[in-house]
Structure formats: structure tokens, C-alpha cells
Amino acid sequence: MTLNKEILSKFKLKDTYYNRNSGGFDLEYIVKNEQINEFLGLENQPQVTLGFHGSNANRGYYYTLTVEVDSDFKFVERISE
């Protein structure tokens, strides 16, 4: 699945955060997407929260992609240097 500006603009923005001291950011979207649900085995789940998180702090630069279903289930993939 490709995620770009065009695709993300179709999703409902849930929350944003930016810390100019650390360069940290969070973008969260409410998503209804069959591909995501199929990949995670969530066929009966109407929507999930898709999150993009990142930082450029002293510990190193990284991005994190999250898919949150509810407080009991969260998929996390971290991409770092």
C-alpha cells in the first residue's frame, strides 16, 4: 500500500502534535481501509487509527508507523537510521 499526500488527504485527521525543540511530531488519522484490515486480520473492524510519529532528538532520527485498533491492540513499526 502506498501512503502519500493524496491518499492521506482522503482520511480524517484525528490529532497532530509538533515539538520544535526536539523535532518530534505526531499525525494520527481515522482510517477505514480494507488493505490495512486484511493485513492485520481485522476484517470485522470498521476503522483504525493510523499514526505517523517521528523525532530528530539527540538519540537519533526515527519514524514510527502505528495502527491502533483499541487500547488492547496496537501494531508498531519503527524505522531508524
Protein backbone atom coordinates (compact mmCIF):
# COMPACT_ATOMS: atom_id res chain seq x y z
CA MET A 1 0.00 0.00 0.00
CA THR A 2 1.32 3.41 -0.94
CA LEU A 3 0.84 6.23 1.55
CA ASN A 4 1.33 9.69 0.11
CA LYS A 5 -0.22 13.13 0.37
CA GLU A 6 -3.08 12.21 -1.99
CA ILE A 7 -4.00 9.05 -0.06
CA LEU A 8 -3.65 10.68 3.38
CA SER A 9 -5.84 13.62 2.32
CA LYS A 10 -8.74 11.17 1.97
CA PHE A 11 -8.50 10.11 5.63
CA LYS A 12 -9.97 12.06 8.55
CA LEU A 13 -7.26 13.80 10.61
CA LYS A 14 -7.66 12.87 14.28
CA ASP A 15 -4.76 14.64 16.01
CA THR A 16 -1.48 16.48 15.39
CA TYR A 17 1.48 17.40 17.56
CA TYR A 18 4.82 19.11 16.92
CA ASN A 19 7.68 19.86 19.33
CA ARG A 20 10.05 22.40 17.81
CA ASN A 21 12.73 21.71 20.45
CA SER A 22 13.16 18.03 19.57
CA GLY A 23 11.64 17.98 16.09
CA GLY A 24 9.18 15.38 17.37
CA PHE A 25 5.85 15.08 15.64
CA ASP A 26 2.67 13.00 15.63
CA LEU A 27 -0.01 12.77 12.93
CA GLU A 28 -2.99 10.50 13.54
CA TYR A 29 -5.74 9.64 11.09
CA ILE A 30 -9.03 7.77 11.40
CA VAL A 31 -8.88 5.19 8.63
CA LYS A 32 -11.33 2.81 7.00
CA ASN A 33 -9.15 0.71 4.70
CA GLU A 34 -9.61 -2.90 3.61
CA GLN A 35 -5.91 -3.44 2.86
CA ILE A 36 -4.84 -2.48 6.39
CA ASN A 37 -7.61 -4.53 7.97
CA GLU A 38 -6.79 -7.57 5.82
CA PHE A 39 -3.04 -7.34 6.55
CA LEU A 40 -3.65 -7.25 10.32
CA GLY A 41 -6.53 -9.75 10.29
CA LEU A 42 -9.12 -7.15 11.31
CA GLU A 43 -11.92 -7.99 8.86
CA ASN A 44 -14.63 -7.08 11.41
CA GLN A 45 -13.03 -3.78 12.45
CA PRO A 46 -14.74 -0.77 10.80
CA GLN A 47 -11.87 1.68 11.39
CA VAL A 48 -8.42 2.04 12.91
CA THR A 49 -6.16 4.92 13.94
CA LEU A 50 -3.15 5.25 11.63
CA GLY A 51 -0.31 7.18 13.22
CA PHE A 52 2.94 8.66 11.95
CA HIS A 53 5.42 9.68 14.63
CA GLY A 54 8.97 10.91 14.46
CA SER A 55 11.82 12.64 16.19
CA ASN A 56 15.16 14.21 15.46
CA ALA A 57 16.31 14.19 19.10
CA ASN A 58 19.84 13.53 20.35
CA ARG A 59 19.09 9.78 20.48
CA GLY A 60 18.87 9.70 16.70
CA TYR A 61 16.42 10.29 13.95
CA TYR A 62 13.46 7.90 13.53
CA TYR A 63 9.95 7.43 12.19
CA THR A 64 7.30 5.19 13.68
CA LEU A 65 4.18 3.94 11.94
CA THR A 66 1.36 2.75 14.21
CA VAL A 67 -2.02 1.15 13.61
CA GLU A 68 -4.19 1.28 16.70
CA VAL A 69 -7.41 -0.71 16.88
CA ASP A 70 -8.23 -0.10 20.54
CA SER A 71 -6.38 0.08 23.84
CA ASP A 72 -5.65 -3.67 23.62
CA PHE A 73 -4.17 -3.87 20.11
CA LYS A 74 -1.54 -1.66 18.52
CA PHE A 75 0.77 -2.51 15.60
CA VAL A 76 4.08 -0.58 15.66
CA GLU A 77 6.86 -0.45 13.06
CA ARG A 78 9.89 1.75 13.79
CA ILE A 79 12.25 2.97 11.07
CA SER A 80 15.53 4.47 12.21
CA GLU A 81 18.98 5.36 10.93
